[in-house]
N, C-alpha and C. Protein backbone atom coordinates (compact mmCIF):
# COMPACT_ATOMS: atom_id res chain seq x y z
N MET A 1 68.79 277.55 213.12
CA MET A 1 67.58 278.04 212.54
C MET A 1 66.76 278.70 213.64
N SER A 2 66.17 279.84 213.35
CA SER A 2 65.37 280.54 214.35
C SER A 2 63.94 280.67 213.85
N PHE A 3 63.07 281.17 214.72
CA PHE A 3 61.68 281.35 214.36
C PHE A 3 61.39 282.70 213.71
N ARG A 4 62.42 283.52 213.54
CA ARG A 4 62.21 284.80 212.87
C ARG A 4 62.00 284.56 211.39
N LYS A 5 61.12 285.36 210.78
CA LYS A 5 60.82 285.19 209.36
C LYS A 5 61.98 285.73 208.54
N SER A 6 62.75 284.83 208.01
CA SER A 6 63.88 285.19 207.18
C SER A 6 64.02 284.14 206.10
N LEU A 7 64.22 284.58 204.88
CA LEU A 7 64.37 283.64 203.77
C LEU A 7 65.63 282.79 203.91
N GLN A 8 66.51 283.19 204.83
CA GLN A 8 67.70 282.38 205.08
C GLN A 8 67.31 280.99 205.58
N ALA A 9 66.21 280.88 206.27
CA ALA A 9 65.76 279.58 206.77
C ALA A 9 65.45 278.65 205.60
N ILE A 10 64.80 279.17 204.58
CA ILE A 10 64.47 278.36 203.41
C ILE A 10 65.74 277.92 202.70
N HIS A 11 66.66 278.85 202.53
CA HIS A 11 67.91 278.51 201.85
C HIS A 11 68.76 277.55 202.68
N TYR A 12 68.66 277.64 203.99
CA TYR A 12 69.38 276.72 204.86
C TYR A 12 68.86 275.30 204.66
N VAL A 13 67.54 275.14 204.65
CA VAL A 13 66.94 273.82 204.44
C VAL A 13 67.27 273.31 203.03
N GLN A 14 67.21 274.21 202.05
CA GLN A 14 67.55 273.83 200.69
C GLN A 14 69.00 273.34 200.60
N ASP A 15 69.90 274.03 201.27
CA ASP A 15 71.31 273.64 201.27
C ASP A 15 71.52 272.29 201.95
N LEU A 16 70.66 271.93 202.89
CA LEU A 16 70.73 270.61 203.51
C LEU A 16 70.21 269.51 202.57
N CYS A 17 69.20 269.85 201.78
CA CYS A 17 68.54 268.86 200.93
C CYS A 17 69.29 268.59 199.62
N LEU A 18 69.84 269.62 199.01
CA LEU A 18 70.46 269.45 197.69
C LEU A 18 71.56 268.39 197.64
N PRO A 19 72.47 268.32 198.61
CA PRO A 19 73.50 267.27 198.52
C PRO A 19 72.93 265.85 198.59
N GLN A 20 71.73 265.70 199.14
CA GLN A 20 71.12 264.38 199.26
C GLN A 20 70.56 263.88 197.94
N LEU A 21 70.50 264.75 196.92
CA LEU A 21 70.03 264.31 195.61
C LEU A 21 71.07 263.44 194.91
N ALA A 22 72.35 263.62 195.24
CA ALA A 22 73.42 262.83 194.60
C ALA A 22 73.27 261.34 194.90
N PRO A 23 73.09 260.94 196.18
CA PRO A 23 72.87 259.51 196.42
C PRO A 23 71.60 258.98 195.76
N LEU A 24 70.56 259.81 195.71
CA LEU A 24 69.33 259.41 195.03
C LEU A 24 69.61 259.14 193.56
N TRP A 25 70.39 260.00 192.96
CA TRP A 25 70.76 259.85 191.55
C TRP A 25 71.52 258.53 191.34
N LEU A 26 72.45 258.23 192.25
CA LEU A 26 73.22 256.98 192.13
C LEU A 26 72.33 255.76 192.31
N LEU A 27 71.40 255.83 193.26
CA LEU A 27 70.49 254.71 193.48
C LEU A 27 69.55 254.49 192.30
N ALA A 28 69.30 255.55 191.54
CA ALA A 28 68.34 255.48 190.44
C ALA A 28 68.98 255.00 189.14
N ASN A 29 70.23 254.57 189.18
CA ASN A 29 70.91 254.08 187.98
C ASN A 29 69.97 253.10 187.27
N ARG A 30 69.53 253.43 186.10
CA ARG A 30 68.49 252.67 185.41
C ARG A 30 68.91 251.24 185.08
N GLY A 31 70.18 250.96 184.95
CA GLY A 31 70.60 249.60 184.64
C GLY A 31 70.58 248.69 185.86
N LEU A 32 71.17 249.15 186.93
CA LEU A 32 71.33 248.32 188.12
C LEU A 32 70.70 248.92 189.36
N GLY A 33 70.05 250.04 189.22
CA GLY A 33 69.57 250.78 190.38
C GLY A 33 68.33 250.23 191.03
N ALA A 34 67.93 250.90 192.08
CA ALA A 34 66.75 250.52 192.87
C ALA A 34 65.48 250.88 192.10
N GLY A 35 64.40 250.25 192.50
CA GLY A 35 63.11 250.52 191.88
C GLY A 35 62.47 251.79 192.43
N ILE A 36 61.37 252.15 191.84
CA ILE A 36 60.66 253.37 192.22
C ILE A 36 60.23 253.37 193.69
N PRO A 37 59.68 252.26 194.22
CA PRO A 37 59.29 252.29 195.65
C PRO A 37 60.46 252.56 196.59
N VAL A 38 61.62 251.99 196.30
CA VAL A 38 62.79 252.20 197.14
C VAL A 38 63.27 253.64 197.02
N LEU A 39 63.29 254.17 195.81
CA LEU A 39 63.72 255.55 195.59
C LEU A 39 62.78 256.53 196.27
N ARG A 40 61.48 256.25 196.20
CA ARG A 40 60.50 257.11 196.87
C ARG A 40 60.72 257.09 198.38
N MET A 41 60.96 255.90 198.92
CA MET A 41 61.20 255.78 200.35
C MET A 41 62.49 256.51 200.75
N PHE A 42 63.51 256.44 199.91
CA PHE A 42 64.75 257.16 200.19
C PHE A 42 64.47 258.66 200.22
N TYR A 43 63.71 259.16 199.25
CA TYR A 43 63.37 260.59 199.22
C TYR A 43 62.63 260.99 200.50
N ILE A 44 61.63 260.21 200.87
CA ILE A 44 60.82 260.54 202.04
C ILE A 44 61.68 260.49 203.31
N SER A 45 62.51 259.48 203.42
CA SER A 45 63.31 259.28 204.63
C SER A 45 64.46 260.25 204.78
N VAL A 46 65.11 260.57 203.68
CA VAL A 46 66.34 261.35 203.77
C VAL A 46 66.14 262.82 203.44
N ILE A 47 65.36 263.11 202.42
CA ILE A 47 65.23 264.51 201.96
C ILE A 47 64.01 265.18 202.55
N ARG A 48 62.83 264.57 202.37
CA ARG A 48 61.62 265.22 202.86
C ARG A 48 61.60 265.31 204.38
N SER A 49 62.27 264.41 205.07
CA SER A 49 62.31 264.48 206.53
C SER A 49 62.99 265.76 207.00
N LEU A 50 63.96 266.26 206.24
CA LEU A 50 64.60 267.53 206.59
C LEU A 50 63.61 268.69 206.49
N ILE A 51 62.79 268.65 205.46
CA ILE A 51 61.77 269.69 205.27
C ILE A 51 60.71 269.56 206.36
N ASP A 52 60.30 268.33 206.66
CA ASP A 52 59.29 268.11 207.71
C ASP A 52 59.78 268.63 209.06
N TYR A 53 61.04 268.40 209.34
CA TYR A 53 61.61 268.85 210.62
C TYR A 53 61.59 270.38 210.74
N ALA A 54 61.71 271.06 209.61
CA ALA A 54 61.73 272.52 209.61
C ALA A 54 60.34 273.14 209.51
N THR A 55 59.30 272.33 209.50
CA THR A 55 57.94 272.83 209.33
C THR A 55 57.55 273.95 210.29
N PRO A 56 57.89 273.90 211.59
CA PRO A 56 57.49 275.00 212.47
C PRO A 56 58.02 276.36 212.02
N VAL A 57 59.14 276.37 211.33
CA VAL A 57 59.68 277.63 210.82
C VAL A 57 59.10 277.93 209.44
N LEU A 58 58.89 276.90 208.61
CA LEU A 58 58.46 277.10 207.23
C LEU A 58 57.00 277.51 207.10
N ILE A 59 56.17 277.26 208.12
CA ILE A 59 54.75 277.56 208.03
C ILE A 59 54.48 279.05 207.79
N GLN A 60 55.39 279.89 208.17
CA GLN A 60 55.17 281.34 208.05
C GLN A 60 55.44 281.88 206.63
N PHE A 61 55.90 281.02 205.73
CA PHE A 61 56.24 281.47 204.37
C PHE A 61 55.15 281.11 203.38
N SER A 62 55.04 281.90 202.33
CA SER A 62 54.06 281.65 201.28
C SER A 62 54.58 280.58 200.33
N SER A 63 53.70 280.10 199.45
CA SER A 63 54.11 279.09 198.47
C SER A 63 55.17 279.62 197.53
N ILE A 64 55.13 280.91 197.24
CA ILE A 64 56.14 281.51 196.36
C ILE A 64 57.50 281.52 197.06
N GLN A 65 57.50 281.82 198.34
CA GLN A 65 58.76 281.85 199.09
C GLN A 65 59.32 280.44 199.29
N LEU A 66 58.45 279.43 199.30
CA LEU A 66 58.89 278.05 199.46
C LEU A 66 59.30 277.40 198.13
N ARG A 67 59.30 278.18 197.08
CA ARG A 67 59.63 277.67 195.74
C ARG A 67 60.98 276.94 195.68
N PRO A 68 62.05 277.42 196.34
CA PRO A 68 63.31 276.67 196.28
C PRO A 68 63.19 275.23 196.80
N LEU A 69 62.38 275.02 197.82
CA LEU A 69 62.18 273.67 198.34
C LEU A 69 61.31 272.85 197.40
N GLU A 70 60.37 273.52 196.76
CA GLU A 70 59.53 272.85 195.77
C GLU A 70 60.39 272.35 194.60
N LEU A 71 61.38 273.15 194.21
CA LEU A 71 62.27 272.76 193.13
C LEU A 71 63.13 271.55 193.51
N VAL A 72 63.52 271.45 194.76
CA VAL A 72 64.26 270.28 195.23
C VAL A 72 63.39 269.04 195.09
N GLN A 73 62.13 269.13 195.52
CA GLN A 73 61.22 268.00 195.41
C GLN A 73 60.98 267.65 193.95
N ASN A 74 60.81 268.66 193.11
CA ASN A 74 60.58 268.40 191.69
C ASN A 74 61.74 267.63 191.06
N GLU A 75 62.95 268.04 191.40
CA GLU A 75 64.12 267.34 190.86
C GLU A 75 64.19 265.91 191.37
N ALA A 76 63.87 265.72 192.64
CA ALA A 76 63.87 264.37 193.20
C ALA A 76 62.84 263.49 192.49
N MET A 77 61.65 264.03 192.21
CA MET A 77 60.62 263.25 191.52
C MET A 77 61.07 262.88 190.12
N GLN A 78 61.74 263.80 189.43
CA GLN A 78 62.24 263.51 188.09
C GLN A 78 63.30 262.41 188.12
N ILE A 79 64.14 262.44 189.14
CA ILE A 79 65.16 261.40 189.28
C ILE A 79 64.51 260.05 189.57
N ILE A 80 63.56 260.03 190.48
CA ILE A 80 62.89 258.79 190.89
C ILE A 80 62.21 258.13 189.70
N LEU A 81 61.48 258.91 188.92
CA LEU A 81 60.71 258.35 187.81
C LEU A 81 61.50 258.30 186.51
N GLY A 82 62.68 258.91 186.49
CA GLY A 82 63.48 258.91 185.26
C GLY A 82 62.86 259.74 184.16
N CYS A 83 62.17 260.81 184.54
CA CYS A 83 61.46 261.66 183.59
C CYS A 83 62.32 262.84 183.16
N PRO A 84 62.08 263.36 181.97
CA PRO A 84 62.78 264.58 181.55
C PRO A 84 62.23 265.79 182.29
N ARG A 85 62.94 266.88 182.21
CA ARG A 85 62.51 268.11 182.88
C ARG A 85 61.21 268.68 182.30
N THR A 86 60.83 268.22 181.13
CA THR A 86 59.61 268.73 180.50
C THR A 86 58.36 268.03 181.02
N ALA A 87 58.52 267.00 181.84
CA ALA A 87 57.36 266.28 182.38
C ALA A 87 56.58 267.19 183.33
N ARG A 88 55.27 267.07 183.30
CA ARG A 88 54.41 267.89 184.14
C ARG A 88 54.55 267.47 185.61
N ILE A 89 54.77 268.46 186.45
CA ILE A 89 54.99 268.22 187.87
C ILE A 89 53.75 267.59 188.53
N GLU A 90 52.57 268.01 188.12
CA GLU A 90 51.34 267.47 188.70
C GLU A 90 51.24 265.97 188.44
N VAL A 91 51.69 265.54 187.26
CA VAL A 91 51.66 264.11 186.92
C VAL A 91 52.65 263.34 187.79
N LEU A 92 53.85 263.92 187.98
CA LEU A 92 54.86 263.27 188.82
C LEU A 92 54.36 263.14 190.26
N ARG A 93 53.74 264.21 190.77
CA ARG A 93 53.20 264.17 192.14
C ARG A 93 52.13 263.09 192.27
N ALA A 94 51.25 263.02 191.28
CA ALA A 94 50.17 262.03 191.32
C ALA A 94 50.74 260.61 191.24
N GLU A 95 51.73 260.41 190.41
CA GLU A 95 52.33 259.09 190.24
C GLU A 95 53.02 258.61 191.52
N LEU A 96 53.67 259.54 192.22
CA LEU A 96 54.41 259.19 193.44
C LEU A 96 53.61 259.41 194.72
N HIS A 97 52.40 259.94 194.59
CA HIS A 97 51.55 260.23 195.75
C HIS A 97 52.27 261.15 196.74
N LEU A 98 52.82 262.25 196.22
CA LEU A 98 53.52 263.24 197.04
C LEU A 98 52.81 264.58 196.92
N PRO A 99 52.47 265.21 198.05
CA PRO A 99 51.87 266.54 197.98
C PRO A 99 52.93 267.60 197.71
N SER A 100 52.49 268.79 197.35
CA SER A 100 53.44 269.89 197.19
C SER A 100 54.02 270.22 198.57
N ILE A 101 55.10 270.95 198.58
CA ILE A 101 55.76 271.29 199.84
C ILE A 101 54.84 272.14 200.72
N ILE A 102 54.16 273.11 200.14
CA ILE A 102 53.28 273.96 200.94
C ILE A 102 52.15 273.14 201.54
N CYS A 103 51.60 272.19 200.79
CA CYS A 103 50.54 271.33 201.33
C CYS A 103 51.07 270.45 202.45
N ARG A 104 52.29 269.96 202.29
CA ARG A 104 52.91 269.12 203.32
C ARG A 104 53.14 269.91 204.60
N VAL A 105 53.63 271.12 204.47
CA VAL A 105 53.88 271.98 205.63
C VAL A 105 52.55 272.28 206.35
N GLN A 106 51.52 272.59 205.58
CA GLN A 106 50.21 272.87 206.17
C GLN A 106 49.61 271.63 206.82
N GLU A 107 49.80 270.48 206.20
CA GLU A 107 49.30 269.22 206.75
C GLU A 107 49.94 268.91 208.10
N ILE A 108 51.23 269.04 208.18
CA ILE A 108 51.94 268.76 209.44
C ILE A 108 51.52 269.74 210.52
N THR A 109 51.38 271.00 210.15
CA THR A 109 50.97 272.02 211.11
C THR A 109 49.56 271.75 211.62
N CYS A 110 48.64 271.44 210.72
CA CYS A 110 47.26 271.15 211.13
C CYS A 110 47.20 269.92 212.02
N ARG A 111 47.95 268.89 211.68
CA ARG A 111 47.97 267.67 212.49
C ARG A 111 48.52 267.96 213.88
N THR A 112 49.57 268.76 213.95
CA THR A 112 50.17 269.08 215.24
C THR A 112 49.22 269.90 216.12
N VAL A 113 48.60 270.91 215.52
CA VAL A 113 47.66 271.73 216.28
C VAL A 113 46.47 270.90 216.74
N SER A 114 45.98 270.03 215.87
CA SER A 114 44.86 269.16 216.23
C SER A 114 45.23 268.24 217.39
N GLN A 115 46.42 267.65 217.35
CA GLN A 115 46.86 266.79 218.44
C GLN A 115 47.00 267.58 219.74
N MET A 116 47.49 268.80 219.64
CA MET A 116 47.64 269.63 220.83
C MET A 116 46.28 269.95 221.43
N LEU A 117 45.30 270.23 220.59
CA LEU A 117 43.97 270.56 221.08
C LEU A 117 43.26 269.33 221.67
N CYS A 118 43.53 268.17 221.10
CA CYS A 118 42.88 266.95 221.57
C CYS A 118 43.47 266.40 222.85
N THR A 119 44.72 266.71 223.13
CA THR A 119 45.34 266.18 224.34
C THR A 119 44.77 266.83 225.59
N GLY A 120 44.30 268.05 225.46
CA GLY A 120 43.68 268.73 226.58
C GLY A 120 44.64 269.08 227.69
N SER A 121 45.87 269.36 227.35
CA SER A 121 46.85 269.71 228.38
C SER A 121 46.43 271.03 229.04
N ASP A 122 46.66 271.13 230.34
CA ASP A 122 46.25 272.32 231.09
C ASP A 122 46.96 273.57 230.61
N SER A 123 48.22 273.45 230.25
CA SER A 123 48.95 274.64 229.82
C SER A 123 48.40 275.15 228.50
N LEU A 124 48.01 274.24 227.61
CA LEU A 124 47.48 274.64 226.33
C LEU A 124 46.10 275.26 226.50
N LYS A 125 45.26 274.67 227.35
CA LYS A 125 43.92 275.19 227.57
C LYS A 125 43.98 276.62 228.09
N GLY A 126 44.89 276.88 228.98
CA GLY A 126 45.01 278.22 229.55
C GLY A 126 45.42 279.25 228.53
N SER A 127 46.19 278.83 227.53
CA SER A 127 46.67 279.80 226.55
C SER A 127 45.65 280.06 225.45
N LEU A 128 44.69 279.14 225.27
CA LEU A 128 43.73 279.31 224.19
C LEU A 128 42.39 279.86 224.64
N THR A 129 42.10 279.82 225.92
CA THR A 129 40.82 280.33 226.39
C THR A 129 40.95 281.79 226.77
N PRO A 130 39.90 282.56 226.51
CA PRO A 130 39.97 283.98 226.85
C PRO A 130 39.97 284.15 228.37
N PRO A 131 40.60 285.19 228.86
CA PRO A 131 40.63 285.41 230.30
C PRO A 131 39.23 285.69 230.83
N VAL A 132 38.95 285.18 232.02
CA VAL A 132 37.67 285.38 232.67
C VAL A 132 37.68 286.74 233.33
N SER A 133 36.65 287.55 233.05
CA SER A 133 36.62 288.89 233.65
C SER A 133 35.59 288.99 234.73
């Protein structure tokens, strides 16, 4: 994955995430499967962590361009809660306390920039201050 703006980056992350929905589906077996908290933790640990890791590249894309990743999360939420495809996504997000992908990418980016500014590293200070004339 590179830092150049290419939709291939989104499809690459999507291709990493989609196969991970199969184990989630198996764990969600309604008769003998895991409960909602365990399924949510599996999603966060296995699937969303891939998206989080790609955040430095994904920040440059709009919410429309990030739609394939949003669809992965939507499917995972439907599996976790056992809801039909007609269920409202906003309700699923609220029930599982999961932000949209674009909000998550922005949150991670803001947190990272804030931490960088608060550490006060000399190299960072030099790059953010205007040159003295």
